[in-house]
Protein backbone atom coordinates (compact mmCIF):
# COMPACT_ATOMS: atom_id res chain seq x y z
CA UNK A 1 57.40 93.17 -98.91
CA UNK A 2 55.41 90.83 -96.59
CA UNK A 3 52.44 92.51 -94.96
CA UNK A 4 52.08 95.10 -97.74
CA UNK A 5 48.56 93.92 -98.65
CA UNK A 6 45.50 92.63 -96.81
CA UNK A 7 46.09 89.19 -98.31
CA UNK A 8 49.62 89.06 -96.84
CA UNK A 9 48.21 90.02 -93.52
CA UNK A 10 45.50 87.38 -93.64
CA UNK A 11 48.23 84.79 -94.53
CA UNK A 12 50.37 85.92 -91.59
CA UNK A 13 47.31 85.59 -89.20
CA UNK A 14 46.61 82.10 -90.63
CA UNK A 15 50.15 80.89 -90.09
CA UNK A 16 50.21 82.33 -86.47
CA UNK A 17 46.94 80.34 -85.81
CA UNK A 18 48.39 77.16 -87.31
CA UNK A 19 51.54 77.48 -85.19
CA UNK A 20 49.46 78.11 -82.05
CA UNK A 21 47.24 75.12 -82.77
CA UNK A 22 50.37 72.98 -83.44
CA UNK A 23 51.91 74.09 -80.21
CA UNK A 24 48.71 73.14 -78.29
CA UNK A 25 48.50 69.76 -79.90
CA UNK A 26 52.23 69.11 -79.16
CA UNK A 27 51.77 69.99 -75.50
CA UNK A 28 48.55 67.98 -75.33
CA UNK A 29 50.43 65.00 -76.60
CA UNK A 30 53.31 65.41 -74.20
CA UNK A 31 50.90 65.78 -71.27
CA UNK A 32 49.14 62.51 -72.03
CA UNK A 33 51.27 59.77 -70.33
CA UNK A 34 49.40 56.74 -72.00
CA UNK A 35 48.58 55.42 -75.43
CA UNK A 36 45.01 55.34 -76.48
CA UNK A 37 43.22 53.21 -79.00
CA UNK A 38 40.13 55.54 -79.22
CA UNK A 39 42.35 58.61 -79.86
CA UNK A 40 44.53 56.72 -82.27
CA UNK A 41 47.50 57.89 -80.13
CA UNK A 42 50.54 55.84 -79.38
CA UNK A 43 53.61 56.68 -77.36
CA UNK A 44 56.56 54.51 -77.42
CA UNK A 45 57.61 55.66 -73.91
CA UNK A 46 54.08 55.01 -72.51
CA UNK A 47 52.94 51.84 -74.38
CA UNK A 48 50.07 50.85 -71.97
CA UNK A 49 46.81 51.44 -73.89
CA UNK A 50 43.99 53.11 -72.17
CA UNK A 51 44.97 52.45 -68.52
CA UNK A 52 42.26 53.16 -66.02
CA UNK A 53 44.12 56.23 -64.70
CA UNK A 54 44.06 57.82 -68.09
CA UNK A 55 40.43 57.47 -68.82
CA UNK A 56 40.06 61.25 -68.95
CA UNK A 57 40.42 64.40 -71.15
CA UNK A 58 43.67 66.33 -70.89
CA UNK A 59 43.20 70.11 -71.11
CA UNK A 60 46.00 72.48 -72.29
CA UNK A 61 45.69 76.24 -72.30
CA UNK A 62 48.35 78.76 -73.51
CA UNK A 63 49.43 81.20 -70.78
CA UNK A 64 51.90 84.10 -70.81
CA UNK A 65 54.47 81.88 -69.08
CA UNK A 66 54.01 78.88 -71.31
CA UNK A 67 51.23 76.36 -70.94
CA UNK A 68 48.83 75.35 -68.27
CA UNK A 69 47.65 71.67 -67.94
CA UNK A 70 44.66 70.19 -66.52
CA UNK A 71 42.29 67.30 -66.76
CA UNK A 72 38.60 66.50 -66.93
CA UNK A 73 36.60 63.26 -66.36
CA UNK A 74 35.20 61.59 -69.43
CA UNK A 75 31.73 62.30 -68.16
CA UNK A 76 32.34 65.96 -67.19
CA UNK A 77 29.59 67.17 -69.49
CA UNK A 78 26.92 64.88 -68.05
CA UNK A 79 24.17 63.34 -70.30
CA UNK A 80 24.64 64.53 -73.96
CA UNK A 81 20.92 64.72 -74.70
CA UNK A 82 20.14 66.58 -71.49
CA UNK A 83 23.11 69.05 -71.86
CA UNK A 84 22.16 69.65 -75.64
CA UNK A 85 18.59 70.39 -74.72
CA UNK A 86 19.65 72.72 -71.85
CA UNK A 87 22.01 74.69 -74.00
CA UNK A 88 19.79 74.85 -77.13
CA UNK A 89 16.41 75.33 -75.75
CA UNK A 90 15.69 78.40 -78.02
CA UNK A 91 16.77 76.50 -81.04
CA UNK A 92 14.64 73.48 -80.17
CA UNK A 93 11.58 75.59 -79.34
CA UNK A 94 11.96 77.58 -82.71
CA UNK A 95 12.09 74.25 -84.69
CA UNK A 96 8.89 73.01 -83.03
CA UNK A 97 7.03 76.15 -84.04
CA UNK A 98 7.69 75.60 -87.79
């Protein structure tokens, strides 16, 4: 019987996570209305590659009613070195004390 051992329960949890991830990827792909060379993503119904209006990240979040879509500009995180330093100051300081 499925679910009769801890191993079965772990496998069930893994499959649920895989299906959730696949659903999010599917919805992300449908939300993007352009092809992208950088993402290795091609849509036959939207063949234009990297048009200026799609130089952005699409966001997808599961909700109780389905899926919520959004978008972020490519530079939403700011300067990568500055943001890394800001979020990892304790780690950087600990390394310099060694």
